[in-house]
Amino acid sequence: MTREVYVNEQVDVLVRMLPSGSIRPTSFLWRGKTRYVGDVGRQWEERVAGKSLRCFLVRGVDESSYELRWDPAGDSWSVYRAWLPELMA
């Protein structure tokens, strides 16, 4: 059973640049632990406080899911939401 948690915390993210020019998150450091991305799902753009953010729904190799947000103008990343097993939340 998982629980949705609103986080909105800055994180460091490693990405892979694809030949098409798009990016794919591969891992991120959150709360002192490296989280490895097993799968990248839906991607979309949102406007928040006048900024255009690129959002990625990713699944970790531990079956947790996260919504990562990238601000290309500031080149900063955040974990906006997480769906964590009850023991991890």
C-alpha atoms as a PDB file:
ATOM      1  CA  MET A   1       0.000   0.000   0.000  1.00  0.00           C
ATOM      2  CA  THR A   2       1.339   3.444  -0.915  1.00  0.00           C
ATOM      3  CA  ARG A   3       0.671   6.901   0.436  1.00  0.00           C
ATOM      4  CA  GLU A   4       0.808  10.171  -1.525  1.00  0.00           C
ATOM      5  CA  VAL A   5       3.016  12.804   0.094  1.00  0.00           C
ATOM      6  CA  TYR A   6       3.298  16.454  -1.018  1.00  0.00           C
ATOM      7  CA  VAL A   7       6.986  17.308  -0.778  1.00  0.00           C
ATOM      8  CA  ASN A   8       8.116  20.268  -2.946  1.00  0.00           C
ATOM      9  CA  GLU A   9      11.809  19.937  -1.976  1.00  0.00           C
ATOM     10  CA  GLN A  10      14.855  20.834  -4.085  1.00  0.00           C
ATOM     11  CA  VAL A  11      16.897  17.847  -5.281  1.00  0.00           C
ATOM     12  CA  ASP A  12      19.956  17.090  -7.387  1.00  0.00           C
ATOM     13  CA  VAL A  13      19.054  15.053 -10.479  1.00  0.00           C
ATOM     14  CA  LEU A  14      21.206  13.141 -12.963  1.00  0.00           C
ATOM     15  CA  VAL A  15      19.760  13.009 -16.477  1.00  0.00           C
ATOM     16  CA  ARG A  16      20.524  11.311 -19.758  1.00  0.00           C
ATOM     17  CA  MET A  17      20.452  13.465 -22.901  1.00  0.00           C
ATOM     18  CA  LEU A  18      18.675  11.580 -25.665  1.00  0.00           C
ATOM     19  CA  PRO A  19      19.584  11.947 -29.377  1.00  0.00           C
ATOM     20  CA  SER A  20      16.295  13.801 -29.872  1.00  0.00           C
ATOM     21  CA  GLY A  21      17.520  16.522 -27.486  1.00  0.00           C
ATOM     22  CA  SER A  22      15.072  15.592 -24.742  1.00  0.00           C
ATOM     23  CA  ILE A  23      16.183  14.656 -21.245  1.00  0.00           C
ATOM     24  CA  ARG A  24      15.436  11.616 -19.113  1.00  0.00           C
ATOM     25  CA  PRO A  25      15.991  11.586 -15.330  1.00  0.00           C
ATOM     26  CA  THR A  26      18.081   8.573 -14.256  1.00  0.00           C
ATOM     27  CA  SER A  27      18.573   9.204 -10.511  1.00  0.00           C
ATOM     28  CA  PHE A  28      18.182  11.894  -7.865  1.00  0.00           C
ATOM     29  CA  LEU A  29      19.428  12.612  -4.367  1.00  0.00           C
ATOM     30  CA  TRP A  30      16.569  13.139  -1.905  1.00  0.00           C
ATOM     31  CA  ARG A  31      16.780  13.201   1.882  1.00  0.00           C
ATOM     32  CA  GLY A  32      20.327  11.869   1.895  1.00  0.00           C
ATOM     33  CA  LYS A  33      19.590   8.859  -0.318  1.00  0.00           C
ATOM     34  CA  THR A  34      20.139   8.281  -4.029  1.00  0.00           C
ATOM     35  CA  ARG A  35      16.881   7.224  -5.695  1.00  0.00           C
ATOM     36  CA  TYR A  36      17.342   5.358  -8.979  1.00  0.00           C
ATOM     37  CA  VAL A  37      14.734   5.803 -11.699  1.00  0.00           C
ATOM     38  CA  GLY A  38      13.513   2.534 -13.163  1.00  0.00           C
ATOM     39  CA  ASP A  39      10.929   3.992 -15.544  1.00  0.00           C
ATOM     40  CA  VAL A  40       9.856   7.408 -16.814  1.00  0.00           C
ATOM     41  CA  GLY A  41       6.152   7.714 -17.470  1.00  0.00           C
ATOM     42  CA  ARG A  42       4.019  10.701 -18.312  1.00  0.00           C
ATOM     43  CA  GLN A  43       5.669  14.067 -19.048  1.00  0.00           C
ATOM     44  CA  TRP A  44       3.977  17.460 -19.255  1.00  0.00           C
ATOM     45  CA  GLU A  45       4.523  21.192 -18.849  1.00  0.00           C
ATOM     46  CA  GLU A  46       2.976  23.451 -16.208  1.00  0.00           C
ATOM     47  CA  ARG A  47       3.087  27.188 -15.595  1.00  0.00           C
ATOM     48  CA  VAL A  48       3.663  27.961 -11.917  1.00  0.00           C
ATOM     49  CA  ALA A  49       4.235  31.499 -10.605  1.00  0.00           C
ATOM     50  CA  GLY A  50       5.102  32.680 -14.125  1.00  0.00           C
ATOM     51  CA  LYS A  51       7.617  29.871 -14.713  1.00  0.00           C
ATOM     52  CA  SER A  52       7.352  27.098 -17.268  1.00  0.00           C
ATOM     53  CA  LEU A  53       8.175  23.796 -15.556  1.00  0.00           C
ATOM     54  CA  ARG A  54       8.764  20.405 -17.156  1.00  0.00           C
ATOM     55  CA  CYS A  55       7.184  17.645 -15.045  1.00  0.00           C
ATOM     56  CA  PHE A  56       8.117  13.959 -15.065  1.00  0.00           C
ATOM     57  CA  LEU A  57       6.266  11.093 -13.415  1.00  0.00           C
ATOM     58  CA  VAL A  58       8.931   8.514 -12.562  1.00  0.00           C
ATOM     59  CA  ARG A  59       9.009   5.154 -10.836  1.00  0.00           C
ATOM     60  CA  GLY A  60      11.958   4.234  -8.673  1.00  0.00           C
ATOM     61  CA  VAL A  61      13.547   0.808  -8.763  1.00  0.00           C
ATOM     62  CA  ASP A  62      12.028   0.300  -5.269  1.00  0.00           C
ATOM     63  CA  GLU A  63       8.493   0.734  -6.750  1.00  0.00           C
ATOM     64  CA  SER A  64       8.025   4.194  -5.215  1.00  0.00           C
ATOM     65  CA  SER A  65       6.779   6.878  -7.615  1.00  0.00           C
ATOM     66  CA  TYR A  66       7.692  10.551  -7.793  1.00  0.00           C
ATOM     67  CA  GLU A  67       6.718  13.701  -9.621  1.00  0.00           C
ATOM     68  CA  LEU A  68       9.919  15.529 -10.507  1.00  0.00           C
ATOM     69  CA  ARG A  69       9.778  19.129 -11.715  1.00  0.00           C
ATOM     70  CA  TRP A  70      12.500  20.867 -13.710  1.00  0.00           C
ATOM     71  CA  ASP A  71      12.781  24.627 -14.097  1.00  0.00           C
ATOM     72  CA  PRO A  72      14.883  25.004 -17.284  1.00  0.00           C
ATOM     73  CA  ALA A  73      15.355  28.761 -16.765  1.00  0.00           C
ATOM     74  CA  GLY A  74      17.015  28.224 -13.383  1.00  0.00           C
ATOM     75  CA  ASP A  75      18.205  24.667 -14.113  1.00  0.00           C
ATOM     76  CA  SER A  76      16.756  23.516 -10.791  1.00  0.00           C
ATOM     77  CA  TRP A  77      14.879  20.353  -9.889  1.00  0.00           C
ATOM     78  CA  SER A  78      12.403  19.459  -7.166  1.00  0.00           C
ATOM     79  CA  VAL A  79      10.435  16.479  -5.948  1.00  0.00           C
ATOM     80  CA  TYR A  80       6.904  17.835  -5.924  1.00  0.00           C
ATOM     81  CA  ARG A  81       5.000  14.682  -4.893  1.00  0.00           C
ATOM     82  CA  ALA A  82       5.912  11.153  -3.894  1.00  0.00           C
ATOM     83  CA  TRP A  83       3.930   7.926  -3.621  1.00  0.00           C
ATOM     84  CA  LEU A  84       5.749   5.892  -1.001  1.00  0.00           C
ATOM     85  CA  PRO A  85       5.169   2.551   0.673  1.00  0.00           C
ATOM     86  CA  GLU A  86       3.715   3.159   4.153  1.00  0.00           C
ATOM     87  CA  LEU A  87       6.976   2.161   5.844  1.00  0.00           C
ATOM     88  CA  MET A  88       8.979   4.777   3.902  1.00  0.00           C
ATOM     89  CA  ALA A  89       6.614   7.732   4.378  1.00  0.00           C
END
